[in-house]
C-alpha cells in the first residue's frame, strides 16, 4: 500500500440514491484518474461514480459559509 494520503480517505458504507449530472470531459478524466489513485492507495477497486458523492460530502463539510448558514436554530432552553 502506498504511503500517499489523499484528502478523500477510505469510503464508508451508506444507503445511496441515484442522481444524474453532466460534467466536462476534462473533469471526467480527472475523476477517473483520482479513482485509479484512490484504488491503488487503499487497495480497494473504486470507480469515479462511487467517489463523487463522497467528494461532494467532504467539500460541503469543509465549506464554512455553508455550515454557518445551515446550522439549526438554537432553541431557548428554560
C-alpha atoms as a PDB file:
ATOM      1  CA  UNK A   1       0.000   0.000   0.000  1.00  0.00           C
ATOM      2  CA  UNK A   2       1.237   3.484  -0.816  1.00  0.00           C
ATOM      3  CA  UNK A   3       2.078   5.989   1.904  1.00  0.00           C
ATOM      4  CA  UNK A   4       0.375   8.790  -0.048  1.00  0.00           C
ATOM      5  CA  UNK A   5      -2.548  10.327   1.832  1.00  0.00           C
ATOM      6  CA  UNK A   6      -5.436  11.570  -0.257  1.00  0.00           C
ATOM      7  CA  UNK A   7      -7.872  14.174   1.036  1.00  0.00           C
ATOM      8  CA  UNK A   8     -10.666  11.652   0.468  1.00  0.00           C
ATOM      9  CA  UNK A   9      -9.937   8.690   2.738  1.00  0.00           C
ATOM     10  CA  UNK A  10     -11.396   5.169   2.688  1.00  0.00           C
ATOM     11  CA  UNK A  11     -15.067   5.133   1.770  1.00  0.00           C
ATOM     12  CA  UNK A  12     -17.786   4.405   4.339  1.00  0.00           C
ATOM     13  CA  UNK A  13     -20.730   2.160   3.538  1.00  0.00           C
ATOM     14  CA  UNK A  14     -24.036   4.019   3.165  1.00  0.00           C
ATOM     15  CA  UNK A  15     -27.509   3.903   1.624  1.00  0.00           C
ATOM     16  CA  UNK A  16     -27.444   5.632  -1.761  1.00  0.00           C
ATOM     17  CA  UNK A  17     -29.867   7.418  -4.065  1.00  0.00           C
ATOM     18  CA  UNK A  18     -29.215   7.832  -7.778  1.00  0.00           C
ATOM     19  CA  UNK A  19     -28.555  11.283  -9.288  1.00  0.00           C
ATOM     20  CA  UNK A  20     -27.508  12.121 -12.833  1.00  0.00           C
ATOM     21  CA  UNK A  21     -25.333  15.096 -13.793  1.00  0.00           C
ATOM     22  CA  UNK A  22     -23.330  16.360 -16.734  1.00  0.00           C
ATOM     23  CA  UNK A  23     -19.685  17.410 -16.465  1.00  0.00           C
ATOM     24  CA  UNK A  24     -16.915  18.491 -18.825  1.00  0.00           C
ATOM     25  CA  UNK A  25     -14.774  15.755 -20.390  1.00  0.00           C
ATOM     26  CA  UNK A  26     -11.688  17.042 -18.583  1.00  0.00           C
ATOM     27  CA  UNK A  27     -13.389  16.721 -15.197  1.00  0.00           C
ATOM     28  CA  UNK A  28     -14.493  13.175 -16.029  1.00  0.00           C
ATOM     29  CA  UNK A  29     -10.903  12.273 -16.928  1.00  0.00           C
ATOM     30  CA  UNK A  30      -9.653  13.820 -13.657  1.00  0.00           C
ATOM     31  CA  UNK A  31     -12.266  11.885 -11.681  1.00  0.00           C
ATOM     32  CA  UNK A  32     -11.195   8.648 -13.347  1.00  0.00           C
ATOM     33  CA  UNK A  33      -7.527   9.357 -12.547  1.00  0.00           C
ATOM     34  CA  UNK A  34      -8.432  10.165  -8.951  1.00  0.00           C
ATOM     35  CA  UNK A  35     -10.419   6.922  -8.693  1.00  0.00           C
ATOM     36  CA  UNK A  36      -7.442   4.938 -10.001  1.00  0.00           C
ATOM     37  CA  UNK A  37      -5.127   6.604  -7.472  1.00  0.00           C
ATOM     38  CA  UNK A  38      -7.670   6.050  -4.665  1.00  0.00           C
ATOM     39  CA  UNK A  39      -7.918   2.355  -5.602  1.00  0.00           C
ATOM     40  CA  UNK A  40      -4.142   1.998  -5.591  1.00  0.00           C
ATOM     41  CA  UNK A  41      -3.753   3.900  -2.313  1.00  0.00           C
ATOM     42  CA  UNK A  42      -6.408   1.997  -0.343  1.00  0.00           C
ATOM     43  CA  UNK A  43      -6.222  -1.386  -2.098  1.00  0.00           C
ATOM     44  CA  UNK A  44      -9.921  -1.500  -2.971  1.00  0.00           C
ATOM     45  CA  UNK A  45     -11.230  -1.015  -6.502  1.00  0.00           C
ATOM     46  CA  UNK A  46     -13.465   2.043  -6.779  1.00  0.00           C
ATOM     47  CA  UNK A  47     -14.768   3.987  -9.763  1.00  0.00           C
ATOM     48  CA  UNK A  48     -15.343   7.704 -10.229  1.00  0.00           C
ATOM     49  CA  UNK A  49     -19.120   7.358  -9.845  1.00  0.00           C
ATOM     50  CA  UNK A  50     -18.627   5.888  -6.384  1.00  0.00           C
ATOM     51  CA  UNK A  51     -16.265   8.681  -5.351  1.00  0.00           C
ATOM     52  CA  UNK A  52     -18.361  11.664  -6.471  1.00  0.00           C
ATOM     53  CA  UNK A  53     -20.864  11.666  -3.566  1.00  0.00           C
ATOM     54  CA  UNK A  54     -18.046  11.319  -1.025  1.00  0.00           C
ATOM     55  CA  UNK A  55     -16.140  14.177  -2.662  1.00  0.00           C
ATOM     56  CA  UNK A  56     -19.227  16.400  -2.573  1.00  0.00           C
ATOM     57  CA  UNK A  57     -19.908  15.498   1.041  1.00  0.00           C
ATOM     58  CA  UNK A  58     -16.301  16.303   2.013  1.00  0.00           C
ATOM     59  CA  UNK A  59     -16.472  19.596   0.112  1.00  0.00           C
ATOM     60  CA  UNK A  60     -19.686  20.657   1.834  1.00  0.00           C
ATOM     61  CA  UNK A  61     -18.387  19.605   5.265  1.00  0.00           C
ATOM     62  CA  UNK A  62     -15.417  21.968   4.816  1.00  0.00           C
ATOM     63  CA  UNK A  63     -17.421  24.925   3.473  1.00  0.00           C
ATOM     64  CA  UNK A  64     -17.545  27.345   6.412  1.00  0.00           C
ATOM     65  CA  UNK A  65     -20.221  29.589   4.918  1.00  0.00           C
ATOM     66  CA  UNK A  66     -22.490  26.610   4.220  1.00  0.00           C
ATOM     67  CA  UNK A  67     -22.009  25.265   7.739  1.00  0.00           C
ATOM     68  CA  UNK A  68     -22.706  28.677   9.258  1.00  0.00           C
ATOM     69  CA  UNK A  69     -25.854  29.238   7.181  1.00  0.00           C
ATOM     70  CA  UNK A  70     -27.072  25.644   7.573  1.00  0.00           C
ATOM     71  CA  UNK A  71     -26.910  25.485  11.389  1.00  0.00           C
ATOM     72  CA  UNK A  72     -30.215  24.565  13.004  1.00  0.00           C
ATOM     73  CA  UNK A  73     -31.648  27.379  15.105  1.00  0.00           C
ATOM     74  CA  UNK A  74     -30.690  27.014  18.742  1.00  0.00           C
ATOM     75  CA  UNK A  75     -33.754  26.587  20.903  1.00  0.00           C
ATOM     76  CA  UNK A  76     -34.013  28.674  24.053  1.00  0.00           C
ATOM     77  CA  UNK A  77     -33.866  26.152  26.833  1.00  0.00           C
ATOM     78  CA  UNK A  78     -35.511  27.197  30.138  1.00  0.00           C
END
